[in-house]
Amino acid sequence: MQKIDPQEYQKRLDRLTEILAGIAAHADEVSLRRCPYKNRLDQCTAQFGCRNKRKPQVAGGLPVCAGDDKLDYRPAWETS
């Protein structure tokens, strides 16, 4: 078995940290304006009422999210 060079190992860890930090920063930015219940297919996964929900594209499917991600989505949520 080949020995691991600690400096090369650390260099690779640092590179992974740099990549993942960029992904995390982008996710933090997007989370401020994108509804957390909207999946990657623009479907609503919320189990409560929201004025941005539209009829599913297929019978029995998830509702379509009509939010445009340009507005603060939080007031759209209905509360009981």
N, C-alpha and C. Protein backbone atom coordinates (compact mmCIF):
# COMPACT_ATOMS: atom_id res chain seq x y z
N MET A 1 0.83 -1.18 0.00
CA MET A 1 0.00 0.00 0.00
C MET A 1 0.88 1.25 0.00
N GLN A 2 0.48 2.22 -0.79
CA GLN A 2 1.25 3.45 -0.93
C GLN A 2 0.98 4.38 0.25
N LYS A 3 2.04 5.01 0.78
CA LYS A 3 1.89 5.93 1.90
C LYS A 3 1.30 7.26 1.42
N ILE A 4 0.56 7.88 2.30
CA ILE A 4 -0.08 9.16 1.98
C ILE A 4 0.85 10.30 2.40
N ASP A 5 1.09 11.20 1.48
CA ASP A 5 1.89 12.39 1.77
C ASP A 5 1.00 13.40 2.49
N PRO A 6 1.30 13.73 3.75
CA PRO A 6 0.44 14.64 4.52
C PRO A 6 0.22 16.00 3.86
N GLN A 7 1.24 16.53 3.19
CA GLN A 7 1.10 17.83 2.54
C GLN A 7 0.15 17.75 1.34
N GLU A 8 0.27 16.70 0.55
CA GLU A 8 -0.64 16.51 -0.59
C GLU A 8 -2.06 16.29 -0.11
N TYR A 9 -2.19 15.52 0.96
CA TYR A 9 -3.51 15.26 1.54
C TYR A 9 -4.16 16.58 1.99
N GLN A 10 -3.39 17.41 2.70
CA GLN A 10 -3.91 18.69 3.16
C GLN A 10 -4.26 19.61 2.00
N LYS A 11 -3.45 19.58 0.95
CA LYS A 11 -3.72 20.40 -0.23
C LYS A 11 -5.07 20.00 -0.85
N ARG A 12 -5.33 18.71 -0.91
CA ARG A 12 -6.60 18.23 -1.46
C ARG A 12 -7.78 18.58 -0.57
N LEU A 13 -7.59 18.47 0.75
CA LEU A 13 -8.65 18.88 1.68
C LEU A 13 -8.96 20.36 1.54
N ASP A 14 -7.92 21.17 1.40
CA ASP A 14 -8.11 22.61 1.23
C ASP A 14 -8.88 22.92 -0.05
N ARG A 15 -8.57 22.21 -1.11
CA ARG A 15 -9.27 22.41 -2.39
C ARG A 15 -10.74 22.02 -2.27
N LEU A 16 -11.02 20.90 -1.62
CA LEU A 16 -12.42 20.50 -1.40
C LEU A 16 -13.16 21.51 -0.54
N THR A 17 -12.49 22.02 0.48
CA THR A 17 -13.11 23.04 1.34
C THR A 17 -13.44 24.29 0.54
N GLU A 18 -12.56 24.69 -0.34
CA GLU A 18 -12.79 25.86 -1.20
C GLU A 18 -14.01 25.64 -2.10
N ILE A 19 -14.10 24.48 -2.70
CA ILE A 19 -15.23 24.17 -3.58
C ILE A 19 -16.54 24.15 -2.80
N LEU A 20 -16.55 23.44 -1.67
CA LEU A 20 -17.77 23.32 -0.89
C LEU A 20 -18.18 24.64 -0.25
N ALA A 21 -17.22 25.50 0.09
CA ALA A 21 -17.55 26.80 0.66
C ALA A 21 -18.31 27.65 -0.37
N GLY A 22 -17.91 27.57 -1.62
CA GLY A 22 -18.62 28.30 -2.68
C GLY A 22 -20.04 27.79 -2.87
N ILE A 23 -20.20 26.49 -2.81
CA ILE A 23 -21.54 25.89 -2.94
C ILE A 23 -22.41 26.32 -1.76
N ALA A 24 -21.86 26.28 -0.55
CA ALA A 24 -22.62 26.66 0.64
C ALA A 24 -22.99 28.13 0.60
N ALA A 25 -22.10 28.99 0.16
CA ALA A 25 -22.39 30.42 0.08
C ALA A 25 -23.52 30.68 -0.91
N HIS A 26 -23.49 29.99 -2.05
CA HIS A 26 -24.56 30.15 -3.04
C HIS A 26 -25.89 29.65 -2.48
N ALA A 27 -25.88 28.53 -1.78
CA ALA A 27 -27.11 28.00 -1.18
C ALA A 27 -27.67 28.98 -0.14
N ASP A 28 -26.80 29.59 0.65
CA ASP A 28 -27.26 30.58 1.63
C ASP A 28 -27.92 31.77 0.94
N GLU A 29 -27.33 32.23 -0.15
CA GLU A 29 -27.88 33.37 -0.88
C GLU A 29 -29.24 33.03 -1.49
N VAL A 30 -29.34 31.89 -2.12
CA VAL A 30 -30.59 31.48 -2.78
C VAL A 30 -31.69 31.25 -1.75
N SER A 31 -31.34 30.75 -0.58
CA SER A 31 -32.35 30.44 0.44
C SER A 31 -33.05 31.69 0.94
N LEU A 32 -32.49 32.85 0.70
CA LEU A 32 -33.14 34.09 1.13
C LEU A 32 -34.30 34.47 0.24
N ARG A 33 -34.38 33.93 -0.98
CA ARG A 33 -35.44 34.33 -1.89
C ARG A 33 -36.20 33.15 -2.51
N ARG A 34 -35.71 31.95 -2.34
CA ARG A 34 -36.38 30.79 -2.92
C ARG A 34 -37.13 30.04 -1.83
N CYS A 35 -38.35 29.68 -2.11
CA CYS A 35 -39.16 28.94 -1.15
C CYS A 35 -38.50 27.60 -0.85
N PRO A 36 -38.34 27.26 0.41
CA PRO A 36 -37.69 25.98 0.74
C PRO A 36 -38.55 24.76 0.40
N TYR A 37 -39.81 24.98 0.05
CA TYR A 37 -40.69 23.87 -0.30
C TYR A 37 -40.77 23.64 -1.81
N LYS A 38 -40.04 24.42 -2.58
CA LYS A 38 -40.02 24.29 -4.04
C LYS A 38 -38.87 23.38 -4.43
N ASN A 39 -39.19 22.28 -5.11
CA ASN A 39 -38.13 21.35 -5.48
C ASN A 39 -37.48 21.77 -6.81
N ARG A 40 -36.53 20.99 -7.26
CA ARG A 40 -35.78 21.35 -8.47
C ARG A 40 -36.64 21.34 -9.73
N LEU A 41 -37.81 20.71 -9.67
CA LEU A 41 -38.71 20.65 -10.82
C LEU A 41 -39.81 21.72 -10.74
N ASP A 42 -39.62 22.71 -9.85
CA ASP A 42 -40.59 23.78 -9.61
C ASP A 42 -41.94 23.24 -9.14
N GLN A 43 -41.90 22.19 -8.35
CA GLN A 43 -43.10 21.63 -7.76
C GLN A 43 -43.13 22.00 -6.28
N CYS A 44 -44.33 22.18 -5.76
CA CYS A 44 -44.50 22.54 -4.35
C CYS A 44 -44.62 21.28 -3.50
N THR A 45 -43.78 21.19 -2.48
CA THR A 45 -43.81 20.04 -1.59
C THR A 45 -44.42 20.39 -0.24
N ALA A 46 -44.90 21.63 -0.08
CA ALA A 46 -45.48 22.07 1.20
C ALA A 46 -46.76 21.30 1.50
N GLN A 47 -46.94 20.99 2.74
CA GLN A 47 -48.13 20.27 3.19
C GLN A 47 -49.14 21.24 3.81
N PHE A 48 -49.12 22.47 3.37
CA PHE A 48 -50.04 23.49 3.84
C PHE A 48 -50.39 24.39 2.66
N GLY A 49 -51.38 25.25 2.84
CA GLY A 49 -51.83 26.12 1.75
C GLY A 49 -50.83 27.20 1.41
N CYS A 50 -50.75 27.52 0.16
CA CYS A 50 -49.88 28.60 -0.33
C CYS A 50 -50.53 29.16 -1.59
N ARG A 51 -50.58 30.48 -1.69
CA ARG A 51 -51.24 31.07 -2.86
C ARG A 51 -50.44 30.89 -4.16
N ASN A 52 -49.22 30.40 -4.06
CA ASN A 52 -48.42 30.16 -5.26
C ASN A 52 -48.62 28.76 -5.85
N LYS A 53 -49.41 27.92 -5.19
CA LYS A 53 -49.65 26.56 -5.70
C LYS A 53 -50.59 26.61 -6.90
N ARG A 54 -50.26 25.83 -7.91
CA ARG A 54 -51.11 25.66 -9.09
C ARG A 54 -51.38 24.17 -9.29
N LYS A 55 -52.33 23.85 -10.13
CA LYS A 55 -52.70 22.45 -10.36
C LYS A 55 -51.48 21.64 -10.84
N PRO A 56 -51.42 20.38 -10.41
CA PRO A 56 -50.33 19.52 -10.88
C PRO A 56 -50.39 19.32 -12.39
N GLN A 57 -49.25 19.11 -13.01
CA GLN A 57 -49.22 18.88 -14.45
C GLN A 57 -49.73 17.49 -14.80
N VAL A 58 -49.61 16.56 -13.86
CA VAL A 58 -50.14 15.21 -14.06
C VAL A 58 -51.04 14.87 -12.87
N ALA A 59 -52.08 14.12 -13.13
CA ALA A 59 -53.01 13.74 -12.07
C ALA A 59 -52.27 13.01 -10.95
N GLY A 60 -52.50 13.44 -9.72
CA GLY A 60 -51.86 12.81 -8.58
C GLY A 60 -50.46 13.31 -8.30
N GLY A 61 -49.94 14.20 -9.15
CA GLY A 61 -48.60 14.73 -8.96
C GLY A 61 -48.57 15.89 -7.98
N LEU A 62 -47.40 16.39 -7.74
CA LEU A 62 -47.25 17.54 -6.87
C LEU A 62 -47.74 18.80 -7.56
N PRO A 63 -48.29 19.75 -6.80
CA PRO A 63 -48.71 21.01 -7.40
C PRO A 63 -47.50 21.76 -7.96
N VAL A 64 -47.75 22.58 -8.97
CA VAL A 64 -46.70 23.42 -9.55
C VAL A 64 -46.55 24.67 -8.68
N CYS A 65 -45.32 25.08 -8.43
CA CYS A 65 -45.07 26.31 -7.69
C CYS A 65 -44.98 27.45 -8.70
N ALA A 66 -45.85 28.44 -8.52
CA ALA A 66 -45.89 29.58 -9.44
C ALA A 66 -45.05 30.74 -8.94
N GLY A 67 -44.36 30.58 -7.83
CA GLY A 67 -43.50 31.63 -7.31
C GLY A 67 -42.35 31.88 -8.27
N ASP A 68 -41.99 33.16 -8.46
CA ASP A 68 -40.94 33.49 -9.42
C ASP A 68 -39.57 33.70 -8.78
N ASP A 69 -39.48 33.51 -7.48
CA ASP A 69 -38.23 33.67 -6.73
C ASP A 69 -37.71 35.10 -6.73
N LYS A 70 -38.51 36.05 -7.19
CA LYS A 70 -38.09 37.44 -7.17
C LYS A 70 -38.75 38.20 -6.03
N LEU A 71 -39.77 37.59 -5.44
CA LEU A 71 -40.48 38.22 -4.33
C LEU A 71 -40.22 37.45 -3.05
N ASP A 72 -40.47 38.10 -1.93
CA ASP A 72 -40.38 37.43 -0.65
C ASP A 72 -41.57 36.48 -0.57
N TYR A 73 -41.33 35.18 -0.62
CA TYR A 73 -42.37 34.17 -0.67
C TYR A 73 -43.09 33.99 0.66
N ARG A 74 -42.49 34.41 1.76
CA ARG A 74 -43.03 34.08 3.08
C ARG A 74 -44.46 34.59 3.31
N PRO A 75 -44.88 35.78 2.82
CA PRO A 75 -46.27 36.19 3.02
C PRO A 75 -47.28 35.33 2.29
N ALA A 76 -46.84 34.53 1.32
CA ALA A 76 -47.76 33.70 0.55
C ALA A 76 -48.30 32.54 1.36
N TRP A 77 -47.61 32.18 2.42
CA TRP A 77 -48.03 31.05 3.23
C TRP A 77 -49.28 31.41 4.00
N GLU A 78 -50.25 30.55 3.92
CA GLU A 78 -51.48 30.74 4.68
C GLU A 78 -51.31 30.14 6.06
N THR A 79 -51.86 30.81 7.05
CA THR A 79 -51.80 30.28 8.41
C THR A 79 -53.21 30.04 8.92
N SER A 80 -53.33 29.08 9.77
CA SER A 80 -54.65 28.73 10.33
C SER A 80 -55.00 29.63 11.48
